[in-house]
Amino acid sequence: MKVTILMDNTALFDRMFVAEHGFSAYIEAEGKRILFDTGYSGAFLQNAEKMKIDLFDLDYIVLSHGHFDHTGGLWHLIHRFMEAAIEETPHRLPRLIAHPCCFLPRPKPPLGDIGPVFTADEVQRAMPLELSESPVSLTPNLFFLGEIERKFPFEDAAPGSRRIVMPDGSLQEDRILDDTSLAFRGRDGLVVITGCAHAGICNTVEYAKKICGEERVNDIVGGLHLRTAGPQLDGTLAYLKDRCPDALHACHCTSLAAKVALAQVTPLQETGVGLRLEYADR
C-alpha cells in the first residue's frame, strides 16, 4: 500500500505545496485507488496535480467525518468531474463511502454549520454514494471502519457547543459518531489512517484490530485531535507506549505540545503535504 499526503496543516521542508487546516490522503492498495478526505478547499487538487496524481481515476472517495476541513474540497472535486463530462475528458466516477451522519447539518455557535456544503441527496446526484455504520471492505486488506466502538473513558470528550440536526429535525449533542478511519492489514501489522480521530485514537486502533484480526500496529497516520495536557493525552500516551507502534505520523489536529509528548513514547515521524509512505502487502 502507498499513502501520499495531499493536504495537511504543514508541507514538507523544501516542497512547494499548499498547506491549510485540513487533511487529505491518496491511497493505492491492492489495485484500488482511494481518496481519503478532501481538505477545506480545492488546494488538495493543486497538490495532487504537482505530484502527478490522477484524481479522475479513483475507485473510492472515503470521508472520515463531516467537518468542513475534511469535506470542503468535495465541492471542488465534483465540479472537476462536471467539467470533465462537459469537455469529454476521460474520467470515471468513484463510489463515495461515509457514515450516515456525515452529511447532516452541524451548528456550532457562533458558527451556523461546520458540516459539508452538500447534503447526501446532492452528493448522490453527482456520484454513487454508500452510507454505512458498518465496516466496508475496500480491498481484501483495506477497510473503512464505520462507526467505531468507544471503550476508553478518557477519550469520551464533552461535545461543548457542538450540535447535529438529525433526519427527523431534532437537535442533539454532536458526539461525532460518524468519525471513522481506514485500516490496512499489511505484512508488518496494521496501518491506521485517521482524519481527526474524534472517536479517540486508542478506541480507533482497538476497533481496527478487532475488524482486521491483527494485533500488531505498524503505523498510525493522520490527525489525533490531541491538544493540551489532560486525561485524554495521558491515557493516549500510556496506551501507545504499551502497544509500541513501529511508527507514528501524527499531523493536522495534533498540537506541538502533544507531538512533543508523543515523541517521548513513540517513534514520531515528520508529516506534511508531499509525504509518501509505502507499506508491504501481506
Protein backbone atom coordinates (compact mmCIF):
# COMPACT_ATOMS: atom_id res chain seq x y z
CA MET A 1 0.00 0.00 0.00
CA LYS A 2 1.15 3.52 -0.82
CA VAL A 3 -0.07 6.63 1.01
CA THR A 4 0.54 10.21 -0.18
CA ILE A 5 -0.45 13.21 1.94
CA LEU A 6 -2.28 15.69 -0.30
CA MET A 7 -3.33 18.12 2.42
CA ASP A 8 -2.22 18.89 5.96
CA ASN A 9 -1.63 21.93 8.13
CA THR A 10 2.02 21.94 7.02
CA ALA A 11 4.05 20.95 3.96
CA LEU A 12 7.35 19.12 4.00
CA PHE A 13 10.55 21.16 4.11
CA ASP A 14 11.68 22.46 0.70
CA ARG A 15 8.50 21.31 -1.03
CA MET A 16 6.36 23.93 -2.78
CA PHE A 17 2.93 22.64 -1.88
CA VAL A 18 -0.13 24.41 -0.49
CA ALA A 19 -0.97 23.70 3.16
CA GLU A 20 -4.14 24.55 5.09
CA HIS A 21 -6.02 23.46 8.21
CA GLY A 22 -7.40 20.22 6.81
CA PHE A 23 -6.47 16.70 5.77
CA SER A 24 -6.47 14.60 2.61
CA ALA A 25 -4.58 11.49 1.56
CA TYR A 26 -4.31 9.48 -1.65
CA ILE A 27 -4.01 5.72 -1.20
CA GLU A 28 -3.11 2.95 -3.62
CA ALA A 29 -3.83 -0.53 -2.28
CA GLU A 30 -4.23 -3.88 -3.97
CA GLY A 31 -5.18 -2.41 -7.33
CA LYS A 32 -7.60 0.21 -5.92
CA ARG A 33 -7.20 3.99 -5.72
CA ILE A 34 -8.78 5.82 -2.79
CA LEU A 35 -9.07 9.50 -1.87
CA PHE A 36 -9.42 9.81 1.90
CA ASP A 37 -10.88 13.23 2.82
CA THR A 38 -10.66 16.37 0.71
CA GLY A 39 -9.33 19.13 2.96
CA TYR A 40 -11.02 22.50 3.42
CA SER A 41 -10.72 23.89 -0.10
CA GLY A 42 -9.64 22.89 -3.59
CA ALA A 43 -5.97 23.19 -2.68
CA PHE A 44 -5.55 19.42 -2.46
CA LEU A 45 -6.29 19.30 -6.21
CA GLN A 46 -3.33 21.60 -6.90
CA ASN A 47 -1.07 19.43 -4.76
CA ALA A 48 -2.26 16.27 -6.50
CA GLU A 49 -1.51 17.78 -9.91
CA LYS A 50 2.02 18.73 -8.79
CA MET A 51 2.54 15.15 -7.64
CA LYS A 52 1.11 13.82 -10.93
CA ILE A 53 -1.72 12.01 -9.15
CA ASP A 54 -4.76 11.44 -11.38
CA LEU A 55 -7.92 12.01 -9.33
CA PHE A 56 -10.05 11.22 -12.40
CA ASP A 57 -9.09 7.57 -11.90
CA LEU A 58 -10.40 6.87 -8.39
CA ASP A 59 -12.27 3.79 -7.20
CA TYR A 60 -13.41 5.32 -3.91
CA ILE A 61 -13.71 8.59 -2.03
CA VAL A 62 -13.89 7.99 1.72
CA LEU A 63 -14.80 10.69 4.24
CA SER A 64 -13.56 10.35 7.81
CA HIS A 65 -16.36 12.56 9.20
CA GLY A 66 -18.50 15.53 8.25
CA HIS A 67 -16.45 18.55 9.37
CA PHE A 68 -15.71 21.20 6.73
CA ASP A 69 -11.91 20.84 6.95
CA HIS A 70 -12.27 17.26 5.68
CA THR A 71 -15.19 17.65 3.28
CA GLY A 72 -14.85 21.20 1.89
CA GLY A 73 -12.78 20.12 -1.10
CA LEU A 74 -15.50 17.75 -2.28
CA TRP A 75 -17.35 20.69 -3.85
CA HIS A 76 -14.29 21.47 -5.97
CA LEU A 77 -13.73 17.84 -6.95
CA ILE A 78 -17.35 17.37 -8.04
CA HIS A 79 -17.01 20.49 -10.21
CA ARG A 80 -13.90 18.93 -11.81
CA PHE A 81 -15.94 15.83 -12.66
CA MET A 82 -18.69 18.02 -14.14
CA GLU A 83 -16.16 19.87 -16.27
CA ALA A 84 -14.61 16.58 -17.39
CA ALA A 85 -18.02 15.36 -18.57
CA ILE A 86 -18.67 18.60 -20.46
CA GLU A 87 -15.22 18.61 -22.05
CA GLU A 88 -15.28 14.83 -22.71
CA THR A 89 -12.13 14.35 -20.67
CA PRO A 90 -11.55 10.69 -19.72
CA HIS A 91 -12.71 10.08 -16.15
CA ARG A 92 -14.76 7.72 -14.02
CA LEU A 93 -16.97 8.47 -11.06
CA PRO A 94 -15.79 6.90 -7.80
CA ARG A 95 -18.07 5.49 -5.12
CA LEU A 96 -18.20 7.77 -2.06
CA ILE A 97 -18.32 5.99 1.30
CA ALA A 98 -19.15 7.67 4.60
CA HIS A 99 -21.13 7.23 7.81
CA PRO A 100 -24.89 8.03 7.59
CA CYS A 101 -24.42 11.09 9.84
CA CYS A 102 -21.62 12.56 7.72
CA PHE A 103 -23.79 14.94 5.66
CA LEU A 104 -26.11 16.18 8.42
CA PRO A 105 -26.06 19.89 9.41
CA ARG A 106 -23.80 20.66 12.37
CA PRO A 107 -24.33 24.02 14.09
CA LYS A 108 -21.60 25.08 16.49
CA PRO A 109 -22.44 28.56 17.82
CA PRO A 110 -21.39 31.15 16.85
CA LEU A 111 -20.93 29.23 13.55
CA GLY A 112 -24.14 28.24 11.80
CA ASP A 113 -22.81 25.00 10.34
CA ILE A 114 -19.39 23.32 10.40
CA GLY A 115 -20.54 20.40 8.24
CA PRO A 116 -20.32 19.72 4.49
CA VAL A 117 -21.75 22.10 1.89
CA PHE A 118 -23.57 19.17 0.24
CA THR A 119 -26.42 17.03 1.51
CA ALA A 120 -26.33 13.28 0.93
CA ASP A 121 -29.02 13.62 -1.76
CA GLU A 122 -26.95 16.24 -3.59
CA VAL A 123 -23.86 14.03 -3.49
CA GLN A 124 -25.84 11.07 -4.77
CA ARG A 125 -26.87 13.08 -7.82
CA ALA A 126 -23.17 13.56 -8.62
CA MET A 127 -21.73 10.10 -7.88
CA PRO A 128 -22.58 6.73 -6.32
CA LEU A 129 -22.97 7.05 -2.55
CA GLU A 130 -22.78 4.36 0.13
CA LEU A 131 -23.59 5.35 3.71
CA SER A 132 -22.63 2.71 6.24
CA GLU A 133 -22.32 2.43 10.01
CA SER A 134 -20.69 -0.97 9.50
CA PRO A 135 -17.19 -1.71 8.20
CA VAL A 136 -16.76 -1.87 4.42
CA SER A 137 -14.02 -3.86 2.68
CA LEU A 138 -12.40 -1.65 0.04
CA THR A 139 -9.82 -4.31 -0.86
CA PRO A 140 -9.08 -7.70 0.72
CA ASN A 141 -6.91 -5.95 3.35
CA LEU A 142 -8.10 -2.31 3.44
CA PHE A 143 -11.19 -1.46 5.48
CA PHE A 144 -13.47 1.51 6.08
CA LEU A 145 -14.12 1.01 9.80
CA GLY A 146 -17.59 2.54 10.03
CA GLU A 147 -18.85 3.63 13.46
CA ILE A 148 -16.08 3.00 15.96
CA GLU A 149 -16.75 1.34 19.30
CA ARG A 150 -15.86 3.66 22.19
CA LYS A 151 -14.49 1.83 25.21
CA PHE A 152 -11.90 4.13 26.85
CA PRO A 153 -13.49 6.65 29.26
CA PHE A 154 -10.56 9.08 28.90
CA GLU A 155 -11.46 9.51 25.21
CA ASP A 156 -15.09 10.44 25.90
CA ALA A 157 -14.81 14.17 25.18
CA ALA A 158 -17.71 16.51 26.01
CA PRO A 159 -19.41 17.96 22.90
CA GLY A 160 -19.44 21.53 24.21
CA SER A 161 -21.49 23.72 21.86
CA ARG A 162 -21.45 21.16 19.03
CA ARG A 163 -24.90 20.11 17.81
CA ILE A 164 -26.17 17.94 14.96
CA VAL A 165 -29.53 18.14 13.18
CA MET A 166 -30.90 14.60 12.83
CA PRO A 167 -33.00 13.48 9.82
CA ASP A 168 -36.21 13.90 11.88
CA GLY A 169 -35.28 17.55 12.54
CA SER A 170 -34.32 17.07 16.19
CA LEU A 171 -31.27 18.90 17.52
CA GLN A 172 -28.88 16.72 19.51
CA GLU A 173 -25.45 16.98 21.09
CA ASP A 174 -22.87 16.09 18.48
CA ARG A 175 -20.56 13.35 19.69
CA ILE A 176 -19.26 12.93 16.14
CA LEU A 177 -20.41 9.32 15.88
CA ASP A 178 -19.60 9.49 12.16
CA ASP A 179 -15.88 9.75 12.91
CA THR A 180 -14.12 6.81 11.28
CA SER A 181 -10.79 5.72 9.83
CA LEU A 182 -9.19 3.33 7.36
CA ALA A 183 -7.26 0.26 8.47
CA PHE A 184 -4.83 -1.69 6.30
CA ARG A 185 -3.74 -5.20 7.23
CA GLY A 186 -0.18 -5.35 5.95
CA ARG A 187 2.74 -7.74 6.23
CA ASP A 188 4.15 -5.85 9.22
CA GLY A 189 0.85 -5.23 11.01
CA LEU A 190 -1.91 -2.63 10.94
CA VAL A 191 -1.68 0.79 9.33
CA VAL A 192 -4.44 3.03 10.69
CA ILE A 193 -5.20 6.21 8.70
CA THR A 194 -7.26 8.78 10.56
CA GLY A 195 -8.86 12.12 9.72
CA CYS A 196 -9.20 13.61 13.20
CA ALA A 197 -9.74 10.55 15.43
CA HIS A 198 -12.61 12.27 17.25
CA ALA A 199 -13.60 8.77 18.40
CA GLY A 200 -10.22 8.62 20.14
CA ILE A 201 -7.12 7.10 18.59
CA CYS A 202 -6.99 4.35 21.21
CA ASN A 203 -10.62 3.40 20.51
CA THR A 204 -9.84 3.55 16.79
CA VAL A 205 -6.80 1.29 16.96
CA GLU A 206 -8.59 -1.24 19.17
CA TYR A 207 -11.53 -1.37 16.77
CA ALA A 208 -9.19 -1.70 13.78
CA LYS A 209 -7.53 -4.66 15.50
CA LYS A 210 -10.92 -6.25 16.05
CA ILE A 211 -12.12 -5.74 12.46
CA CYS A 212 -8.83 -6.81 10.86
CA GLY A 213 -7.93 -9.65 13.20
CA GLU A 214 -4.43 -8.24 13.67
CA GLU A 215 -2.75 -7.24 16.94
CA ARG A 216 0.45 -5.66 15.63
CA VAL A 217 0.44 -1.92 14.89
CA ASN A 218 2.81 -0.89 12.11
CA ASP A 219 1.87 2.80 11.76
CA ILE A 220 -0.75 5.43 12.62
CA VAL A 221 -1.12 8.25 10.10
CA GLY A 222 -3.27 11.38 10.42
CA GLY A 223 -4.85 13.72 12.94
CA LEU A 224 -5.19 12.59 16.56
CA HIS A 225 -7.19 15.53 17.96
CA LEU A 226 -4.79 15.92 20.88
CA ARG A 227 -4.07 19.46 22.00
CA THR A 228 -3.42 20.08 25.70
CA ALA A 229 -2.28 18.16 28.76
CA GLY A 230 -5.03 16.23 30.49
CA PRO A 231 -6.59 12.79 30.94
CA GLN A 232 -7.01 12.12 27.22
CA LEU A 233 -3.38 12.87 26.36
CA ASP A 234 -2.13 10.96 29.42
CA GLY A 235 -4.28 7.95 28.57
CA THR A 236 -3.19 8.03 24.94
CA LEU A 237 0.49 8.20 25.88
CA ALA A 238 0.12 5.20 28.18
CA TYR A 239 -1.78 3.24 25.53
CA LEU A 240 0.72 3.93 22.73
CA LYS A 241 3.71 3.24 24.98
CA ASP A 242 2.20 -0.15 25.78
CA ARG A 243 1.23 -1.02 22.16
CA CYS A 244 4.58 0.05 20.67
CA PRO A 245 3.64 1.07 17.09
CA ASP A 246 6.56 0.86 14.67
CA ALA A 247 5.92 4.48 13.59
CA LEU A 248 3.56 7.37 14.28
CA HIS A 249 2.81 10.06 11.67
CA ALA A 250 0.69 12.44 13.75
CA CYS A 251 -0.43 15.61 11.97
CA HIS A 252 -3.35 18.00 11.29
CA CYS A 253 -5.20 18.39 14.63
CA THR A 254 -2.28 17.26 16.81
CA SER A 255 -0.71 20.18 18.66
CA LEU A 256 3.03 20.77 19.07
CA ALA A 257 2.75 20.09 22.80
CA ALA A 258 1.05 16.76 22.09
CA LYS A 259 3.68 15.84 19.48
CA VAL A 260 6.49 16.58 21.93
CA ALA A 261 4.82 14.29 24.48
CA LEU A 262 4.14 11.59 21.87
CA ALA A 263 7.78 11.67 20.75
CA GLN A 264 8.80 10.54 24.25
CA VAL A 265 6.91 7.23 23.95
CA THR A 266 6.63 6.53 20.20
CA PRO A 267 8.82 6.80 17.06
CA LEU A 268 7.13 10.02 15.91
CA GLN A 269 7.90 10.95 12.28
CA GLU A 270 7.67 14.25 10.42
CA THR A 271 4.46 14.54 8.41
CA GLY A 272 3.13 17.07 5.91
CA VAL A 273 1.93 17.64 2.36
CA GLY A 274 4.10 15.71 -0.09
CA LEU A 275 4.95 12.85 2.27
CA ARG A 276 4.88 9.45 0.55
CA LEU A 277 4.72 6.28 2.62
CA GLU A 278 4.82 2.66 1.50
CA TYR A 279 3.84 -0.49 3.37
CA ALA A 280 4.42 -4.12 2.40
CA ASP A 281 1.35 -6.14 1.43
CA ARG A 282 0.65 -9.49 3.01
